């Protein structure tokens, strides 16, 4: 008999983990926006860009089999994904702002 374990939501969304993801998103989004666009998108905009960038960077890191990362490594991977996202959005919209 196969038992399927459902992950505990409390383990996935721990307050410390959520705050850490928001901080990583803020830092990565800010750095990507400043590097690619030349200015920030504001706090919420930076967090959104950074969090989406985290997903993009995480997918790329797993495709390249890079392993797991700690806090600084997460910022670097998130920054790379966020920079790709911002550059792609600029290419699609054709704007520098």
Foldseek 3Di string as FASTA:
>chain_A
DDDDDDDDVCVVPPPVVVVLLQVLQQLLLQVLCCVQLVGHPDSVSSSVLLNQLLVQLVVVCVVVVVDDDDSVVSSVSSNVSSNVVVVVVCVVVVDSD
